[in-house]
C-alpha atoms as a PDB file:
ATOM      1  CA  MET A   1     -71.260  99.053  21.940  1.00  0.00           C
ATOM      2  CA  ALA A   2     -69.705 102.419  22.676  1.00  0.00           C
ATOM      3  CA  LEU A   3     -72.950 104.144  23.740  1.00  0.00           C
ATOM      4  CA  LYS A   4     -75.094 103.443  26.822  1.00  0.00           C
ATOM      5  CA  PRO A   5     -78.438 105.256  27.063  1.00  0.00           C
ATOM      6  CA  LEU A   6     -79.258 107.070  30.293  1.00  0.00           C
ATOM      7  CA  HIS A   7     -82.474 107.092  32.348  1.00  0.00           C
ATOM      8  CA  ASP A   8     -85.505 105.949  30.289  1.00  0.00           C
ATOM      9  CA  ARG A   9     -83.856 106.162  26.864  1.00  0.00           C
ATOM     10  CA  VAL A  10     -83.494 103.298  24.400  1.00  0.00           C
ATOM     11  CA  LEU A  11     -81.077 102.741  21.499  1.00  0.00           C
ATOM     12  CA  VAL A  12     -82.860 101.168  18.499  1.00  0.00           C
ATOM     13  CA  ARG A  13     -81.733  99.656  15.187  1.00  0.00           C
ATOM     14  CA  ARG A  14     -84.356 100.053  12.442  1.00  0.00           C
ATOM     15  CA  VAL A  15     -85.613  96.848  10.794  1.00  0.00           C
ATOM     16  CA  GLU A  16     -85.730  97.225   7.019  1.00  0.00           C
ATOM     17  CA  GLY A  17     -89.119  96.672   5.398  1.00  0.00           C
ATOM     18  CA  ASP A  18     -90.098  94.826   2.236  1.00  0.00           C
ATOM     19  CA  GLU A  19     -88.602  95.907  -1.064  1.00  0.00           C
ATOM     20  CA  LYS A  20     -91.625  94.706  -3.049  1.00  0.00           C
ATOM     21  CA  THR A  21     -95.338  95.446  -2.859  1.00  0.00           C
ATOM     22  CA  ALA A  22     -97.916  92.687  -2.431  1.00  0.00           C
ATOM     23  CA  GLY A  23     -98.410  92.808  -6.222  1.00  0.00           C
ATOM     24  CA  GLY A  24     -94.693  92.201  -6.855  1.00  0.00           C
ATOM     25  CA  LEU A  25     -93.625  95.750  -7.800  1.00  0.00           C
ATOM     26  CA  ILE A  26     -90.143  96.727  -6.629  1.00  0.00           C
ATOM     27  CA  ILE A  27     -90.127  99.862  -4.473  1.00  0.00           C
ATOM     28  CA  PRO A  28     -87.206 102.210  -5.294  1.00  0.00           C
ATOM     29  CA  ASP A  29     -85.153 103.619  -2.394  1.00  0.00           C
ATOM     30  CA  THR A  30     -86.428 107.136  -3.102  1.00  0.00           C
ATOM     31  CA  ALA A  31     -90.053 106.058  -2.540  1.00  0.00           C
ATOM     32  CA  LYS A  32     -89.493 103.964   0.593  1.00  0.00           C
ATOM     33  CA  GLU A  33     -90.666 105.245   3.949  1.00  0.00           C
ATOM     34  CA  LYS A  34     -88.441 104.831   6.970  1.00  0.00           C
ATOM     35  CA  PRO A  35     -89.541 101.713   8.843  1.00  0.00           C
ATOM     36  CA  ALA A  36     -91.351 102.145  12.154  1.00  0.00           C
ATOM     37  CA  GLU A  37     -90.126  98.795  13.463  1.00  0.00           C
ATOM     38  CA  GLY A  38     -86.851  98.174  15.198  1.00  0.00           C
ATOM     39  CA  GLU A  39     -84.788  96.103  17.572  1.00  0.00           C
ATOM     40  CA  VAL A  40     -83.694  97.374  20.985  1.00  0.00           C
ATOM     41  CA  ILE A  41     -79.892  97.459  21.111  1.00  0.00           C
ATOM     42  CA  ALA A  42     -79.371  99.044  24.551  1.00  0.00           C
ATOM     43  CA  CYS A  43     -81.526 100.396  27.380  1.00  0.00           C
ATOM     44  CA  GLY A  44     -80.992 102.843  30.211  1.00  0.00           C
ATOM     45  CA  GLU A  45     -81.727 101.908  33.825  1.00  0.00           C
ATOM     46  CA  GLY A  46     -85.184 103.513  33.814  1.00  0.00           C
ATOM     47  CA  ALA A  47     -86.820 106.711  35.001  1.00  0.00           C
ATOM     48  CA  ARG A  48     -86.965 107.778  38.640  1.00  0.00           C
ATOM     49  CA  LYS A  49     -89.964 108.882  40.660  1.00  0.00           C
ATOM     50  CA  ASP A  50     -89.788 112.085  42.717  1.00  0.00           C
ATOM     51  CA  SER A  51     -89.023 109.892  45.717  1.00  0.00           C
ATOM     52  CA  GLY A  52     -85.923 108.545  43.915  1.00  0.00           C
ATOM     53  CA  GLU A  53     -87.407 105.082  43.390  1.00  0.00           C
ATOM     54  CA  LEU A  54     -86.399 103.487  40.069  1.00  0.00           C
ATOM     55  CA  ILE A  55     -89.154 102.734  37.538  1.00  0.00           C
ATOM     56  CA  GLU A  56     -88.053  99.606  35.691  1.00  0.00           C
ATOM     57  CA  MET A  57     -87.973  99.625  31.861  1.00  0.00           C
ATOM     58  CA  ALA A  58     -90.741  97.708  30.050  1.00  0.00           C
ATOM     59  CA  VAL A  59     -88.406  96.811  27.144  1.00  0.00           C
ATOM     60  CA  LYS A  60     -85.095  94.958  27.144  1.00  0.00           C
ATOM     61  CA  ASN A  61     -82.237  94.315  24.718  1.00  0.00           C
ATOM     62  CA  GLY A  62     -83.331  92.226  21.742  1.00  0.00           C
ATOM     63  CA  ASP A  63     -87.033  93.203  21.862  1.00  0.00           C
ATOM     64  CA  LYS A  64     -88.696  93.914  18.503  1.00  0.00           C
ATOM     65  CA  ILE A  65     -90.647  97.155  18.858  1.00  0.00           C
ATOM     66  CA  LEU A  66     -93.018  99.447  17.000  1.00  0.00           C
ATOM     67  CA  PHE A  67     -92.488 103.211  17.299  1.00  0.00           C
ATOM     68  CA  GLY A  68     -93.913 106.425  15.881  1.00  0.00           C
ATOM     69  CA  LYS A  69     -92.874 107.602  12.433  1.00  0.00           C
ATOM     70  CA  TRP A  70     -91.073 110.714  13.729  1.00  0.00           C
ATOM     71  CA  SER A  71     -89.846 109.262  17.043  1.00  0.00           C
ATOM     72  CA  GLY A  72     -86.303 109.480  18.280  1.00  0.00           C
ATOM     73  CA  THR A  73     -83.091 111.197  17.326  1.00  0.00           C
ATOM     74  CA  GLU A  74     -80.801 109.681  14.705  1.00  0.00           C
ATOM     75  CA  VAL A  75     -77.278 108.958  15.965  1.00  0.00           C
ATOM     76  CA  THR A  76     -74.317 107.271  14.295  1.00  0.00           C
ATOM     77  CA  VAL A  77     -72.415 104.711  16.384  1.00  0.00           C
ATOM     78  CA  ASP A  78     -69.492 102.796  14.883  1.00  0.00           C
ATOM     79  CA  GLY A  79     -70.637 103.847  11.391  1.00  0.00           C
ATOM     80  CA  GLU A  80     -74.179 102.514  11.892  1.00  0.00           C
ATOM     81  CA  GLU A  81     -77.255 104.781  11.951  1.00  0.00           C
ATOM     82  CA  LEU A  82     -79.361 104.121  15.046  1.00  0.00           C
ATOM     83  CA  LEU A  83     -82.212 105.877  16.873  1.00  0.00           C
ATOM     84  CA  MET A  84     -82.125 107.149  20.454  1.00  0.00           C
ATOM     85  CA  MET A  85     -85.612 107.580  21.892  1.00  0.00           C
ATOM     86  CA  LYS A  86     -87.477 107.742  25.176  1.00  0.00           C
ATOM     87  CA  GLU A  87     -89.287 104.633  26.274  1.00  0.00           C
ATOM     88  CA  SER A  88     -92.579 106.556  26.040  1.00  0.00           C
ATOM     89  CA  ASP A  89     -92.037 106.912  22.240  1.00  0.00           C
ATOM     90  CA  ILE A  90     -92.354 103.132  21.878  1.00  0.00           C
ATOM     91  CA  LEU A  91     -95.865 102.096  20.875  1.00  0.00           C
ATOM     92  CA  GLY A  92     -95.548  98.373  21.561  1.00  0.00           C
ATOM     93  CA  ILE A  93     -93.467  95.203  21.643  1.00  0.00           C
ATOM     94  CA  ILE A  94     -93.873  92.813  18.693  1.00  0.00           C
ATOM     95  CA  THR A  95     -94.145  89.192  19.838  1.00  0.00           C
END
């Protein structure tokens, strides 16, 4: 990976959602919403307190996460579209 996030930022790969509805209808690409689930690809070291003490990250590489619909900034790394977001934009870890 040619990009390492700094501080409390996380690099995320979106996880594609279903292409069919529960009733079996195929959803065209133009009607699909961007998924709000992803996989953590890389993490920064964490934020720092005013005292300089490091606040450890709650997520790690490989975690499946849920994030807000408009969270993060889209970046392209090695031809792949990824999201760079702050750890605080992550809503939860999917177990």
